[in-house]
Amino acid sequence: MSKFTLLYDTYNPWYYCPCQVLNARMAKRADILIKFGQQVRKLRKEQGYSQENFAYACELDRTYVGGIERGERNLSLRNIKRIADTLEISLAELMDGL
């Protein structure tokens, strides 16, 4: 057994996997996506939009809007602006509380 085998042995208690750090970072990033999605859903419902009508008004696909609200989509700034414009609020108001 070579020293490289021990270094990359996942059962070794001294094995360090950079993917564990990456997963922690991804979890933190996912938190903001979930919070943003919850904010969009709350504001959409307050204005009486169904998800389908809201998606149509934003010129986005309904399944994409569903993914946003579940925190599964990482939006572009253009799409965030579309959502804010459809809700007739500023970007700051949309991001408030995140």
C-alpha atoms as a PDB file:
ATOM      1  CA  MET A   1       0.000   0.000   0.000  1.00  0.00           C
ATOM      2  CA  SER A   2       1.451   3.354  -1.004  1.00  0.00           C
ATOM      3  CA  LYS A   3       1.270   6.619   0.905  1.00  0.00           C
ATOM      4  CA  PHE A   4      -1.099   7.944  -1.797  1.00  0.00           C
ATOM      5  CA  THR A   5      -3.574   5.158  -1.090  1.00  0.00           C
ATOM      6  CA  LEU A   6      -3.822   6.301   2.524  1.00  0.00           C
ATOM      7  CA  LEU A   7      -4.215   9.925   1.477  1.00  0.00           C
ATOM      8  CA  TYR A   8      -7.203   9.173  -0.737  1.00  0.00           C
ATOM      9  CA  ASP A   9      -8.747   6.439   1.403  1.00  0.00           C
ATOM     10  CA  THR A  10     -12.210   7.695   2.384  1.00  0.00           C
ATOM     11  CA  TYR A  11     -12.291   5.334   5.371  1.00  0.00           C
ATOM     12  CA  ASN A  12      -9.162   6.890   6.829  1.00  0.00           C
ATOM     13  CA  PRO A  13     -10.154   9.146   9.789  1.00  0.00           C
ATOM     14  CA  TRP A  14      -7.519  11.673   8.666  1.00  0.00           C
ATOM     15  CA  TYR A  15      -8.937  11.911   5.166  1.00  0.00           C
ATOM     16  CA  TYR A  16     -10.012  15.435   4.273  1.00  0.00           C
ATOM     17  CA  CYS A  17     -12.621  15.782   1.598  1.00  0.00           C
ATOM     18  CA  PRO A  18     -12.908  19.273   0.087  1.00  0.00           C
ATOM     19  CA  CYS A  19     -16.387  18.309  -1.097  1.00  0.00           C
ATOM     20  CA  GLN A  20     -17.598  18.550   2.527  1.00  0.00           C
ATOM     21  CA  VAL A  21     -16.621  22.224   2.592  1.00  0.00           C
ATOM     22  CA  LEU A  22     -18.196  22.729  -0.816  1.00  0.00           C
ATOM     23  CA  ASN A  23     -21.443  21.134   0.359  1.00  0.00           C
ATOM     24  CA  ALA A  24     -21.552  23.479   3.369  1.00  0.00           C
ATOM     25  CA  ARG A  25     -21.063  26.487   1.089  1.00  0.00           C
ATOM     26  CA  MET A  26     -23.761  25.247  -1.280  1.00  0.00           C
ATOM     27  CA  ALA A  27     -26.152  24.830   1.662  1.00  0.00           C
ATOM     28  CA  LYS A  28     -25.591  28.454   2.691  1.00  0.00           C
ATOM     29  CA  ARG A  29     -26.225  29.566  -0.896  1.00  0.00           C
ATOM     30  CA  ALA A  30     -29.372  27.464  -1.027  1.00  0.00           C
ATOM     31  CA  ASP A  31     -30.694  29.261   2.065  1.00  0.00           C
ATOM     32  CA  ILE A  32     -30.889  32.564   0.181  1.00  0.00           C
ATOM     33  CA  LEU A  33     -32.646  30.884  -2.739  1.00  0.00           C
ATOM     34  CA  ILE A  34     -35.246  29.384  -0.418  1.00  0.00           C
ATOM     35  CA  LYS A  35     -35.798  32.710   1.353  1.00  0.00           C
ATOM     36  CA  PHE A  36     -36.105  34.514  -1.967  1.00  0.00           C
ATOM     37  CA  GLY A  37     -38.599  31.939  -3.223  1.00  0.00           C
ATOM     38  CA  GLN A  38     -40.682  32.264  -0.076  1.00  0.00           C
ATOM     39  CA  GLN A  39     -40.668  36.048  -0.488  1.00  0.00           C
ATOM     40  CA  VAL A  40     -41.803  35.798  -4.116  1.00  0.00           C
ATOM     41  CA  ARG A  41     -44.585  33.351  -3.203  1.00  0.00           C
ATOM     42  CA  LYS A  42     -45.786  35.572  -0.350  1.00  0.00           C
ATOM     43  CA  LEU A  43     -45.859  38.719  -2.501  1.00  0.00           C
ATOM     44  CA  ARG A  44     -47.472  36.882  -5.430  1.00  0.00           C
ATOM     45  CA  LYS A  45     -50.261  35.559  -3.222  1.00  0.00           C
ATOM     46  CA  GLU A  46     -50.777  38.959  -1.570  1.00  0.00           C
ATOM     47  CA  GLN A  47     -51.450  40.415  -5.010  1.00  0.00           C
ATOM     48  CA  GLY A  48     -53.842  37.599  -5.911  1.00  0.00           C
ATOM     49  CA  TYR A  49     -51.815  36.034  -8.704  1.00  0.00           C
ATOM     50  CA  SER A  50     -52.015  32.333  -9.381  1.00  0.00           C
ATOM     51  CA  GLN A  51     -48.629  30.852 -10.147  1.00  0.00           C
ATOM     52  CA  GLU A  52     -49.622  30.377 -13.776  1.00  0.00           C
ATOM     53  CA  ASN A  53     -50.905  33.945 -14.230  1.00  0.00           C
ATOM     54  CA  PHE A  54     -47.866  35.342 -12.458  1.00  0.00           C
ATOM     55  CA  ALA A  55     -45.514  33.390 -14.708  1.00  0.00           C
ATOM     56  CA  TYR A  56     -47.391  34.655 -17.763  1.00  0.00           C
ATOM     57  CA  ALA A  57     -47.174  38.260 -16.524  1.00  0.00           C
ATOM     58  CA  CYS A  58     -43.419  37.859 -15.893  1.00  0.00           C
ATOM     59  CA  GLU A  59     -42.951  36.206 -19.281  1.00  0.00           C
ATOM     60  CA  LEU A  60     -41.466  33.167 -17.558  1.00  0.00           C
ATOM     61  CA  ASP A  61     -42.466  29.507 -17.670  1.00  0.00           C
ATOM     62  CA  ARG A  62     -44.787  28.330 -14.885  1.00  0.00           C
ATOM     63  CA  THR A  63     -42.459  25.473 -13.961  1.00  0.00           C
ATOM     64  CA  TYR A  64     -39.576  27.961 -13.707  1.00  0.00           C
ATOM     65  CA  VAL A  65     -41.596  30.134 -11.310  1.00  0.00           C
ATOM     66  CA  GLY A  66     -42.432  27.020  -9.291  1.00  0.00           C
ATOM     67  CA  GLY A  67     -38.712  26.232  -9.088  1.00  0.00           C
ATOM     68  CA  ILE A  68     -37.999  29.779  -7.931  1.00  0.00           C
ATOM     69  CA  GLU A  69     -40.595  29.540  -5.180  1.00  0.00           C
ATOM     70  CA  ARG A  70     -39.171  26.203  -3.992  1.00  0.00           C
ATOM     71  CA  GLY A  71     -35.635  27.609  -3.942  1.00  0.00           C
ATOM     72  CA  GLU A  72     -34.433  25.322  -6.724  1.00  0.00           C
ATOM     73  CA  ARG A  73     -33.534  28.027  -9.257  1.00  0.00           C
ATOM     74  CA  ASN A  74     -30.658  30.475  -9.203  1.00  0.00           C
ATOM     75  CA  LEU A  75     -32.117  33.451 -11.054  1.00  0.00           C
ATOM     76  CA  SER A  76     -30.423  35.951 -13.294  1.00  0.00           C
ATOM     77  CA  LEU A  77     -30.735  39.641 -12.488  1.00  0.00           C
ATOM     78  CA  ARG A  78     -32.983  40.070 -15.519  1.00  0.00           C
ATOM     79  CA  ASN A  79     -35.479  37.580 -14.162  1.00  0.00           C
ATOM     80  CA  ILE A  80     -35.357  39.120 -10.694  1.00  0.00           C
ATOM     81  CA  LYS A  81     -36.111  42.501 -12.294  1.00  0.00           C
ATOM     82  CA  ARG A  82     -39.021  40.965 -14.247  1.00  0.00           C
ATOM     83  CA  ILE A  83     -40.499  39.646 -11.009  1.00  0.00           C
ATOM     84  CA  ALA A  84     -40.129  43.002  -9.248  1.00  0.00           C
ATOM     85  CA  ASP A  85     -41.674  44.839 -12.199  1.00  0.00           C
ATOM     86  CA  THR A  86     -44.623  42.439 -12.332  1.00  0.00           C
ATOM     87  CA  LEU A  87     -45.214  42.891  -8.600  1.00  0.00           C
ATOM     88  CA  GLU A  88     -44.807  46.668  -9.113  1.00  0.00           C
ATOM     89  CA  ILE A  89     -42.205  46.950  -6.364  1.00  0.00           C
ATOM     90  CA  SER A  90     -38.552  47.969  -6.293  1.00  0.00           C
ATOM     91  CA  LEU A  91     -35.722  45.469  -6.214  1.00  0.00           C
ATOM     92  CA  ALA A  92     -34.964  46.637  -2.673  1.00  0.00           C
ATOM     93  CA  GLU A  93     -38.515  45.823  -1.555  1.00  0.00           C
ATOM     94  CA  LEU A  94     -38.292  42.416  -3.193  1.00  0.00           C
ATOM     95  CA  MET A  95     -35.020  41.680  -1.390  1.00  0.00           C
ATOM     96  CA  ASP A  96     -36.177  43.102   1.945  1.00  0.00           C
ATOM     97  CA  GLY A  97     -35.685  40.627   4.770  1.00  0.00           C
ATOM     98  CA  LEU A  98     -33.377  38.262   2.932  1.00  0.00           C
END
